[in-house]
Amino acid sequence: MPKLPHVSGAEAVRALQRLGFEKLRQSGSHVIMRRGSKGCVVPMHGEIKVGTLAGILRQADVTPEDFIAAL
């Protein structure tokens, strides 16, 4: 598994949209995204911690390789 990069919330949302996710709604500083039956919550922070990003990708059922390619 490759090392996950340090990305902002906006960059993570853009990458997930390239992978087919759509932005359903935003509640405060968190964006709710969905693709089919899989969904995830992305915090819109300046930088998402690597552990948090790994959890988001696990929730969304996206491999780190796919996510890095979508960046």
Protein backbone atom coordinates (compact mmCIF):
# COMPACT_ATOMS: atom_id res chain seq x y z
CA MET A 1 0.00 0.00 0.00
CA PRO A 2 1.47 3.39 -0.94
CA LYS A 3 1.79 6.17 1.59
CA LEU A 4 -1.22 8.44 1.60
CA PRO A 5 -0.50 12.08 0.75
CA HIS A 6 -1.41 15.09 2.88
CA VAL A 7 -4.43 16.66 1.18
CA SER A 8 -7.00 19.30 2.06
CA GLY A 9 -10.70 18.55 2.35
CA ALA A 10 -11.41 20.28 -0.97
CA GLU A 11 -8.75 18.17 -2.75
CA ALA A 12 -10.21 14.98 -1.27
CA VAL A 13 -13.72 15.96 -2.43
CA ARG A 14 -12.44 16.67 -5.97
CA ALA A 15 -10.62 13.33 -6.14
CA LEU A 16 -13.69 11.43 -4.91
CA GLN A 17 -15.87 13.24 -7.48
CA ARG A 18 -13.47 12.06 -10.20
CA LEU A 19 -14.03 8.53 -8.89
CA GLY A 20 -17.80 8.84 -9.35
CA PHE A 21 -18.94 10.13 -5.96
CA GLU A 22 -21.46 12.94 -5.80
CA LYS A 23 -21.73 15.59 -3.14
CA LEU A 24 -25.09 15.08 -1.42
CA ARG A 25 -24.98 17.83 1.15
CA GLN A 26 -22.78 19.76 3.52
CA SER A 27 -23.43 20.00 7.22
CA GLY A 28 -21.14 22.59 8.75
CA SER A 29 -17.55 21.73 7.84
CA HIS A 30 -18.35 18.16 6.72
CA VAL A 31 -19.35 17.07 3.21
CA ILE A 32 -21.45 13.93 2.76
CA MET A 33 -20.65 12.06 -0.46
CA ARG A 34 -22.20 8.96 -2.02
CA ARG A 35 -21.61 6.52 -4.90
CA GLY A 36 -24.27 3.85 -5.16
CA SER A 37 -24.66 2.29 -1.72
CA LYS A 38 -21.24 3.48 -0.49
CA GLY A 39 -20.88 6.83 1.22
CA CYS A 40 -18.38 8.81 3.22
CA VAL A 41 -18.03 11.99 5.23
CA VAL A 42 -15.16 14.32 4.32
CA PRO A 43 -14.10 17.09 6.75
CA MET A 44 -13.42 20.36 4.94
CA HIS A 45 -10.25 21.17 6.84
CA GLY A 46 -7.03 22.75 5.61
CA GLU A 47 -5.26 19.40 5.88
CA ILE A 48 -6.77 15.99 6.56
CA LYS A 49 -4.66 13.75 8.78
CA VAL A 50 -3.42 10.56 7.13
CA GLY A 51 -5.32 8.30 9.54
CA THR A 52 -8.54 10.20 8.90
CA LEU A 53 -8.01 9.95 5.14
CA ALA A 54 -7.45 6.20 5.45
CA GLY A 55 -10.75 5.93 7.34
CA ILE A 56 -12.56 7.94 4.66
CA LEU A 57 -11.20 5.67 1.93
CA ARG A 58 -12.19 2.56 3.91
CA GLN A 59 -15.71 3.99 4.36
CA ALA A 60 -15.94 4.78 0.65
CA ASP A 61 -14.47 1.42 -0.40
CA VAL A 62 -11.76 3.13 -2.49
CA THR A 63 -8.19 1.83 -2.70
CA PRO A 64 -5.35 4.23 -1.91
CA GLU A 65 -3.94 3.59 -5.41
CA ASP A 66 -7.21 4.70 -7.04
CA PHE A 67 -7.41 7.76 -4.81
CA ILE A 68 -3.84 8.84 -5.57
CA ALA A 69 -4.46 8.36 -9.32
CA ALA A 70 -7.56 10.56 -9.06
CA LEU A 71 -5.63 13.39 -7.40
